[in-house]
Amino acid sequence: MAAASGRPLVVELAVEGMMCMKNCGNTVQSALRSVDGVADAV
């Protein structure tokens, strides 16, 4: 999705409370990348 200026819309999400010990961040990134319209998740 592009903002009215024609530039990509950038959204920052703060994810808190994850308690797993292995690769939780990768799981969140993969889920976000699978959403239609998401160009990247870092």
PDB file of N, CA and C in Angstrom:
ATOM      1  N   MET A   1       0.859  -1.174   0.000  1.00  0.00           N
ATOM      2  CA  MET A   1       0.000   0.000   0.000  1.00  0.00           C
ATOM      3  C   MET A   1       0.898   1.227   0.000  1.00  0.00           C
ATOM      4  N   ALA A   2       0.552   2.183  -0.816  1.00  0.00           N
ATOM      5  CA  ALA A   2       1.329   3.418  -0.878  1.00  0.00           C
ATOM      6  C   ALA A   2       0.571   4.537  -0.184  1.00  0.00           C
ATOM      7  N   ALA A   3       1.306   5.404   0.446  1.00  0.00           N
ATOM      8  CA  ALA A   3       0.705   6.590   1.057  1.00  0.00           C
ATOM      9  C   ALA A   3       0.309   7.556  -0.055  1.00  0.00           C
ATOM     10  N   ALA A   4      -0.417   8.593   0.283  1.00  0.00           N
ATOM     11  CA  ALA A   4      -0.892   9.567  -0.702  1.00  0.00           C
ATOM     12  C   ALA A   4       0.264  10.201  -1.474  1.00  0.00           C
ATOM     13  N   SER A   5       1.443  10.250  -0.885  1.00  0.00           N
ATOM     14  CA  SER A   5       2.610  10.843  -1.537  1.00  0.00           C
ATOM     15  C   SER A   5       3.201   9.933  -2.604  1.00  0.00           C
ATOM     16  N   GLY A   6       2.727   8.696  -2.696  1.00  0.00           N
ATOM     17  CA  GLY A   6       3.268   7.739  -3.643  1.00  0.00           C
ATOM     18  C   GLY A   6       4.381   6.882  -3.064  1.00  0.00           C
ATOM     19  N   ARG A   7       4.852   7.233  -1.880  1.00  0.00           N
ATOM     20  CA  ARG A   7       5.887   6.440  -1.217  1.00  0.00           C
ATOM     21  C   ARG A   7       5.237   5.291  -0.460  1.00  0.00           C
ATOM     22  N   PRO A   8       5.964   4.204  -0.251  1.00  0.00           N
ATOM     23  CA  PRO A   8       5.403   3.087   0.518  1.00  0.00           C
ATOM     24  C   PRO A   8       5.042   3.527   1.937  1.00  0.00           C
ATOM     25  N   LEU A   9       4.004   2.957   2.465  1.00  0.00           N
ATOM     26  CA  LEU A   9       3.597   3.204   3.844  1.00  0.00           C
ATOM     27  C   LEU A   9       4.448   2.323   4.752  1.00  0.00           C
ATOM     28  N   VAL A  10       5.079   2.909   5.745  1.00  0.00           N
ATOM     29  CA  VAL A  10       5.909   2.168   6.694  1.00  0.00           C
ATOM     30  C   VAL A  10       5.189   2.137   8.031  1.00  0.00           C
ATOM     31  N   VAL A  11       5.053   0.933   8.582  1.00  0.00           N
ATOM     32  CA  VAL A  11       4.389   0.746   9.871  1.00  0.00           C
ATOM     33  C   VAL A  11       5.349   0.004  10.792  1.00  0.00           C
ATOM     34  N   GLU A  12       5.522   0.498  12.005  1.00  0.00           N
ATOM     35  CA  GLU A  12       6.345  -0.181  13.003  1.00  0.00           C
ATOM     36  C   GLU A  12       5.429  -0.780  14.058  1.00  0.00           C
ATOM     37  N   LEU A  13       5.640  -2.057  14.349  1.00  0.00           N
ATOM     38  CA  LEU A  13       4.854  -2.757  15.358  1.00  0.00           C
ATOM     39  C   LEU A  13       5.758  -3.127  16.522  1.00  0.00           C
ATOM     40  N   ALA A  14       5.321  -2.855  17.730  1.00  0.00           N
ATOM     41  CA  ALA A  14       6.050  -3.278  18.927  1.00  0.00           C
ATOM     42  C   ALA A  14       5.408  -4.568  19.417  1.00  0.00           C
ATOM     43  N   VAL A  15       6.163  -5.646  19.385  1.00  0.00           N
ATOM     44  CA  VAL A  15       5.656  -6.949  19.817  1.00  0.00           C
ATOM     45  C   VAL A  15       6.273  -7.244  21.177  1.00  0.00           C
ATOM     46  N   GLU A  16       5.422  -7.427  22.164  1.00  0.00           N
ATOM     47  CA  GLU A  16       5.891  -7.669  23.526  1.00  0.00           C
ATOM     48  C   GLU A  16       5.336  -8.982  24.060  1.00  0.00           C
ATOM     49  N   GLY A  17       5.988  -9.500  25.076  1.00  0.00           N
ATOM     50  CA  GLY A  17       5.460 -10.637  25.815  1.00  0.00           C
ATOM     51  C   GLY A  17       5.712 -11.997  25.197  1.00  0.00           C
ATOM     52  N   MET A  18       6.605 -12.080  24.222  1.00  0.00           N
ATOM     53  CA  MET A  18       6.903 -13.386  23.639  1.00  0.00           C
ATOM     54  C   MET A  18       7.801 -14.139  24.611  1.00  0.00           C
ATOM     55  N   MET A  19       7.438 -15.369  24.920  1.00  0.00           N
ATOM     56  CA  MET A  19       8.142 -16.121  25.944  1.00  0.00           C
ATOM     57  C   MET A  19       8.946 -17.295  25.396  1.00  0.00           C
ATOM     58  N   CYS A  20       8.903 -17.545  24.105  1.00  0.00           N
ATOM     59  CA  CYS A  20       9.623 -18.699  23.569  1.00  0.00           C
ATOM     60  C   CYS A  20      11.118 -18.414  23.513  1.00  0.00           C
ATOM     61  N   MET A  21      11.899 -19.451  23.447  1.00  0.00           N
ATOM     62  CA  MET A  21      13.347 -19.317  23.480  1.00  0.00           C
ATOM     63  C   MET A  21      13.988 -19.441  22.098  1.00  0.00           C
ATOM     64  N   LYS A  22      13.220 -19.856  21.082  1.00  0.00           N
ATOM     65  CA  LYS A  22      13.819 -20.107  19.769  1.00  0.00           C
ATOM     66  C   LYS A  22      13.024 -19.450  18.657  1.00  0.00           C
ATOM     67  N   ASN A  23      13.633 -18.532  17.961  1.00  0.00           N
ATOM     68  CA  ASN A  23      13.142 -18.008  16.689  1.00  0.00           C
ATOM     69  C   ASN A  23      11.739 -17.419  16.684  1.00  0.00           C
ATOM     70  N   CYS A  24      11.252 -16.881  17.778  1.00  0.00           N
ATOM     71  CA  CYS A  24       9.930 -16.243  17.771  1.00  0.00           C
ATOM     72  C   CYS A  24       9.889 -15.075  16.791  1.00  0.00           C
ATOM     73  N   GLY A  25      10.963 -14.314  16.749  1.00  0.00           N
ATOM     74  CA  GLY A  25      11.019 -13.186  15.822  1.00  0.00           C
ATOM     75  C   GLY A  25      10.876 -13.632  14.384  1.00  0.00           C
ATOM     76  N   ASN A  26      11.506 -14.752  14.030  1.00  0.00           N
ATOM     77  CA  ASN A  26      11.381 -15.279  12.670  1.00  0.00           C
ATOM     78  C   ASN A  26       9.951 -15.696  12.368  1.00  0.00           C
ATOM     79  N   THR A  27       9.265 -16.249  13.354  1.00  0.00           N
ATOM     80  CA  THR A  27       7.874 -16.653  13.166  1.00  0.00           C
ATOM     81  C   THR A  27       6.997 -15.441  12.887  1.00  0.00           C
ATOM     82  N   VAL A  28       7.208 -14.364  13.624  1.00  0.00           N
ATOM     83  CA  VAL A  28       6.439 -13.134  13.421  1.00  0.00           C
ATOM     84  C   VAL A  28       6.756 -12.549  12.052  1.00  0.00           C
ATOM     85  N   GLN A  29       8.029 -12.507  11.679  1.00  0.00           N
ATOM     86  CA  GLN A  29       8.414 -11.984  10.370  1.00  0.00           C
ATOM     87  C   GLN A  29       7.776 -12.790   9.247  1.00  0.00           C
ATOM     88  N   SER A  30       7.803 -14.095   9.341  1.00  0.00           N
ATOM     89  CA  SER A  30       7.211 -14.948   8.310  1.00  0.00           C
ATOM     90  C   SER A  30       5.713 -14.711   8.188  1.00  0.00           C
ATOM     91  N   ALA A  31       5.049 -14.573   9.327  1.00  0.00           N
ATOM     92  CA  ALA A  31       3.607 -14.321   9.308  1.00  0.00           C
ATOM     93  C   ALA A  31       3.296 -12.981   8.650  1.00  0.00           C
ATOM     94  N   LEU A  32       4.073 -11.952   8.976  1.00  0.00           N
ATOM     95  CA  LEU A  32       3.850 -10.637   8.374  1.00  0.00           C
ATOM     96  C   LEU A  32       4.122 -10.660   6.879  1.00  0.00           C
ATOM     97  N   ARG A  33       5.191 -11.331   6.468  1.00  0.00           N
ATOM     98  CA  ARG A  33       5.529 -11.400   5.040  1.00  0.00           C
ATOM     99  C   ARG A  33       4.464 -12.132   4.236  1.00  0.00           C
ATOM    100  N   SER A  34       3.719 -13.023   4.867  1.00  0.00           N
ATOM    101  CA  SER A  34       2.693 -13.780   4.149  1.00  0.00           C
ATOM    102  C   SER A  34       1.413 -12.977   3.934  1.00  0.00           C
ATOM    103  N   VAL A  35       1.317 -11.800   4.546  1.00  0.00           N
ATOM    104  CA  VAL A  35       0.131 -10.949   4.401  1.00  0.00           C
ATOM    105  C   VAL A  35       0.193 -10.224   3.062  1.00  0.00           C
ATOM    106  N   ASP A  36      -0.892 -10.296   2.313  1.00  0.00           N
ATOM    107  CA  ASP A  36      -0.971  -9.638   1.013  1.00  0.00           C
ATOM    108  C   ASP A  36      -0.727  -8.140   1.163  1.00  0.00           C
ATOM    109  N   GLY A  37       0.194  -7.611   0.373  1.00  0.00           N
ATOM    110  CA  GLY A  37       0.497  -6.187   0.411  1.00  0.00           C
ATOM    111  C   GLY A  37       1.704  -5.826   1.251  1.00  0.00           C
ATOM    112  N   VAL A  38       2.206  -6.769   2.053  1.00  0.00           N
ATOM    113  CA  VAL A  38       3.398  -6.504   2.852  1.00  0.00           C
ATOM    114  C   VAL A  38       4.619  -6.763   1.976  1.00  0.00           C
ATOM    115  N   ALA A  39       5.448  -5.745   1.798  1.00  0.00           N
ATOM    116  CA  ALA A  39       6.632  -5.867   0.950  1.00  0.00           C
ATOM    117  C   ALA A  39       7.797  -6.498   1.701  1.00  0.00           C
ATOM    118  N   ASP A  40       7.931  -6.202   2.991  1.00  0.00           N
ATOM    119  CA  ASP A  40       9.039  -6.738   3.767  1.00  0.00           C
ATOM    120  C   ASP A  40       8.735  -6.623   5.251  1.00  0.00           C
ATOM    121  N   ALA A  41       9.369  -7.462   6.018  1.00  0.00           N
ATOM    122  CA  ALA A  41       9.280  -7.418   7.481  1.00  0.00           C
ATOM    123  C   ALA A  41      10.685  -7.656   8.002  1.00  0.00           C
ATOM    124  N   VAL A  42      11.173  -6.737   8.828  1.00  0.00           N
ATOM    125  CA  VAL A  42      12.542  -6.865   9.353  1.00  0.00           C
ATOM    126  C   VAL A  42      12.549  -6.773  10.857  1.00  0.00           C
TER     127      VAL A  42
END
